[in-house]
């Protein structure tokens, strides 16, 4: 008898139990890539294409790019996988942060600052 498959951390790879279909993943990836392309075009139009931007402009671009990337990625997953396909965050493998990880992340964040 074969044993059930395990996730990378030894737990159930899909704790929600609902299998994720490949076409849903492909659709999500396509939406993310299309949104990134659109955002890239919009940011280029907003910031322009200067030959040598100053340091504050570069910092602003980096912060805006990271924030926009975060919202595009999670927005695409939310709207494609959760809203339209009916998956839950648990189906996608997202689980709550334990208090130990919360404390560790705060300490690491403070150390990085």
C-alpha atoms as a PDB file:
ATOM      1  CA  UNK A   1       0.000   0.000   0.000  1.00  0.00           C
ATOM      2  CA  UNK A   2       1.425   3.402  -0.894  1.00  0.00           C
ATOM      3  CA  UNK A   3       1.743   6.178   1.648  1.00  0.00           C
ATOM      4  CA  UNK A   4       0.051   9.528   1.027  1.00  0.00           C
ATOM      5  CA  UNK A   5       2.181  12.183  -0.608  1.00  0.00           C
ATOM      6  CA  UNK A   6       3.738  14.771   1.652  1.00  0.00           C
ATOM      7  CA  UNK A   7       4.373  18.456   1.085  1.00  0.00           C
ATOM      8  CA  UNK A   8       7.825  20.076   1.168  1.00  0.00           C
ATOM      9  CA  UNK A   9       7.589  20.614   4.932  1.00  0.00           C
ATOM     10  CA  UNK A  10       6.215  17.154   5.664  1.00  0.00           C
ATOM     11  CA  UNK A  11       2.556  18.188   5.881  1.00  0.00           C
ATOM     12  CA  UNK A  12      -0.359  17.566   3.600  1.00  0.00           C
ATOM     13  CA  UNK A  13       0.454  19.337   0.288  1.00  0.00           C
ATOM     14  CA  UNK A  14      -3.179  20.397  -0.148  1.00  0.00           C
ATOM     15  CA  UNK A  15      -4.751  20.721   3.308  1.00  0.00           C
ATOM     16  CA  UNK A  16      -8.094  21.860   1.908  1.00  0.00           C
ATOM     17  CA  UNK A  17      -8.441  18.602   0.027  1.00  0.00           C
ATOM     18  CA  UNK A  18      -9.684  20.137  -3.212  1.00  0.00           C
ATOM     19  CA  UNK A  19      -7.316  19.415  -6.118  1.00  0.00           C
ATOM     20  CA  UNK A  20      -6.109  22.430  -8.062  1.00  0.00           C
ATOM     21  CA  UNK A  21      -6.541  22.094 -11.803  1.00  0.00           C
ATOM     22  CA  UNK A  22      -3.668  22.892 -14.142  1.00  0.00           C
ATOM     23  CA  UNK A  23      -5.757  25.152 -16.356  1.00  0.00           C
ATOM     24  CA  UNK A  24      -6.622  27.306 -13.315  1.00  0.00           C
ATOM     25  CA  UNK A  25      -2.926  27.689 -12.538  1.00  0.00           C
ATOM     26  CA  UNK A  26      -2.187  28.480 -16.198  1.00  0.00           C
ATOM     27  CA  UNK A  27      -4.959  31.085 -16.254  1.00  0.00           C
ATOM     28  CA  UNK A  28      -3.604  32.684 -13.080  1.00  0.00           C
ATOM     29  CA  UNK A  29      -0.072  32.797 -14.504  1.00  0.00           C
ATOM     30  CA  UNK A  30      -1.375  34.349 -17.742  1.00  0.00           C
ATOM     31  CA  UNK A  31      -3.322  37.004 -15.811  1.00  0.00           C
ATOM     32  CA  UNK A  32      -0.275  37.793 -13.648  1.00  0.00           C
ATOM     33  CA  UNK A  33       2.017  38.127 -16.681  1.00  0.00           C
ATOM     34  CA  UNK A  34      -0.511  40.253 -18.554  1.00  0.00           C
ATOM     35  CA  UNK A  35      -1.030  42.495 -15.538  1.00  0.00           C
ATOM     36  CA  UNK A  36       2.740  42.856 -15.052  1.00  0.00           C
ATOM     37  CA  UNK A  37       3.116  43.866 -18.688  1.00  0.00           C
ATOM     38  CA  UNK A  38       0.331  46.421 -18.357  1.00  0.00           C
ATOM     39  CA  UNK A  39       1.849  47.791 -15.148  1.00  0.00           C
ATOM     40  CA  UNK A  40       5.269  48.016 -16.794  1.00  0.00           C
ATOM     41  CA  UNK A  41       3.796  50.037 -19.650  1.00  0.00           C
ATOM     42  CA  UNK A  42       1.909  52.337 -17.253  1.00  0.00           C
ATOM     43  CA  UNK A  43       4.959  52.878 -15.010  1.00  0.00           C
ATOM     44  CA  UNK A  44       7.120  53.642 -18.036  1.00  0.00           C
ATOM     45  CA  UNK A  45       4.592  56.209 -19.207  1.00  0.00           C
ATOM     46  CA  UNK A  46       4.330  57.745 -15.716  1.00  0.00           C
ATOM     47  CA  UNK A  47       8.028  57.890 -14.892  1.00  0.00           C
ATOM     48  CA  UNK A  48       9.313  58.337 -18.413  1.00  0.00           C
ATOM     49  CA  UNK A  49      12.561  56.892 -19.684  1.00  0.00           C
ATOM     50  CA  UNK A  50      15.232  59.314 -18.464  1.00  0.00           C
ATOM     51  CA  UNK A  51      18.781  58.379 -19.341  1.00  0.00           C
ATOM     52  CA  UNK A  52      20.178  58.961 -15.828  1.00  0.00           C
ATOM     53  CA  UNK A  53      17.579  59.292 -13.046  1.00  0.00           C
ATOM     54  CA  UNK A  54      18.663  60.649  -9.673  1.00  0.00           C
ATOM     55  CA  UNK A  55      18.801  58.469  -6.540  1.00  0.00           C
ATOM     56  CA  UNK A  56      15.427  59.546  -5.137  1.00  0.00           C
ATOM     57  CA  UNK A  57      13.705  58.709  -8.423  1.00  0.00           C
ATOM     58  CA  UNK A  58      15.305  55.277  -8.451  1.00  0.00           C
ATOM     59  CA  UNK A  59      14.177  54.636  -4.855  1.00  0.00           C
ATOM     60  CA  UNK A  60      10.652  55.754  -5.712  1.00  0.00           C
ATOM     61  CA  UNK A  61      10.566  53.470  -8.736  1.00  0.00           C
ATOM     62  CA  UNK A  62      11.777  50.500  -6.706  1.00  0.00           C
ATOM     63  CA  UNK A  63       9.226  51.032  -3.929  1.00  0.00           C
ATOM     64  CA  UNK A  64       6.369  51.545  -6.400  1.00  0.00           C
ATOM     65  CA  UNK A  65       7.437  48.505  -8.433  1.00  0.00           C
ATOM     66  CA  UNK A  66       7.583  46.237  -5.370  1.00  0.00           C
ATOM     67  CA  UNK A  67       4.208  47.446  -4.081  1.00  0.00           C
ATOM     68  CA  UNK A  68       2.561  47.093  -7.472  1.00  0.00           C
ATOM     69  CA  UNK A  69       4.083  43.629  -7.965  1.00  0.00           C
ATOM     70  CA  UNK A  70       2.703  42.491  -4.613  1.00  0.00           C
ATOM     71  CA  UNK A  71      -0.798  43.739  -5.400  1.00  0.00           C
ATOM     72  CA  UNK A  72      -0.751  42.333  -8.944  1.00  0.00           C
ATOM     73  CA  UNK A  73       0.330  38.884  -7.788  1.00  0.00           C
ATOM     74  CA  UNK A  74      -2.073  38.545  -4.871  1.00  0.00           C
ATOM     75  CA  UNK A  75      -4.860  40.335  -6.736  1.00  0.00           C
ATOM     76  CA  UNK A  76      -4.590  37.921  -9.653  1.00  0.00           C
ATOM     77  CA  UNK A  77      -4.568  34.902  -7.354  1.00  0.00           C
ATOM     78  CA  UNK A  78      -7.529  36.291  -5.421  1.00  0.00           C
ATOM     79  CA  UNK A  79      -9.688  37.185  -8.404  1.00  0.00           C
ATOM     80  CA  UNK A  80      -8.860  34.179 -10.591  1.00  0.00           C
ATOM     81  CA  UNK A  81      -8.478  31.356  -8.083  1.00  0.00           C
ATOM     82  CA  UNK A  82     -10.681  32.441  -5.172  1.00  0.00           C
ATOM     83  CA  UNK A  83     -13.422  34.653  -6.565  1.00  0.00           C
ATOM     84  CA  UNK A  84     -14.035  33.044  -9.944  1.00  0.00           C
ATOM     85  CA  UNK A  85     -12.960  29.414  -9.356  1.00  0.00           C
ATOM     86  CA  UNK A  86     -14.175  29.056  -5.759  1.00  0.00           C
ATOM     87  CA  UNK A  87     -10.931  27.897  -4.152  1.00  0.00           C
ATOM     88  CA  UNK A  88     -10.079  28.930  -0.604  1.00  0.00           C
ATOM     89  CA  UNK A  89      -6.730  30.155   0.687  1.00  0.00           C
ATOM     90  CA  UNK A  90      -6.448  26.783   2.466  1.00  0.00           C
ATOM     91  CA  UNK A  91      -6.913  25.001  -0.879  1.00  0.00           C
ATOM     92  CA  UNK A  92      -3.957  27.020  -2.178  1.00  0.00           C
ATOM     93  CA  UNK A  93      -1.794  26.003   0.784  1.00  0.00           C
ATOM     94  CA  UNK A  94      -1.932  29.259   2.756  1.00  0.00           C
ATOM     95  CA  UNK A  95      -2.221  28.780   6.491  1.00  0.00           C
ATOM     96  CA  UNK A  96      -2.114  31.182   9.463  1.00  0.00           C
ATOM     97  CA  UNK A  97       1.217  32.326  10.856  1.00  0.00           C
ATOM     98  CA  UNK A  98       2.114  30.734  14.169  1.00  0.00           C
ATOM     99  CA  UNK A  99       3.069  33.001  17.093  1.00  0.00           C
ATOM    100  CA  UNK A 100       6.657  31.729  16.908  1.00  0.00           C
ATOM    101  CA  UNK A 101       6.995  32.778  13.259  1.00  0.00           C
ATOM    102  CA  UNK A 102       5.339  36.116  14.012  1.00  0.00           C
ATOM    103  CA  UNK A 103       7.913  36.864  16.738  1.00  0.00           C
ATOM    104  CA  UNK A 104      10.786  35.679  14.559  1.00  0.00           C
ATOM    105  CA  UNK A 105       9.680  37.829  11.612  1.00  0.00           C
ATOM    106  CA  UNK A 106       9.406  40.919  13.844  1.00  0.00           C
ATOM    107  CA  UNK A 107      12.884  40.294  15.257  1.00  0.00           C
ATOM    108  CA  UNK A 108      14.362  39.739  11.784  1.00  0.00           C
ATOM    109  CA  UNK A 109      12.639  42.872  10.493  1.00  0.00           C
ATOM    110  CA  UNK A 110      14.073  44.933  13.333  1.00  0.00           C
ATOM    111  CA  UNK A 111      17.526  43.441  12.760  1.00  0.00           C
ATOM    112  CA  UNK A 112      17.345  44.328   9.057  1.00  0.00           C
ATOM    113  CA  UNK A 113      16.367  47.921   9.821  1.00  0.00           C
END
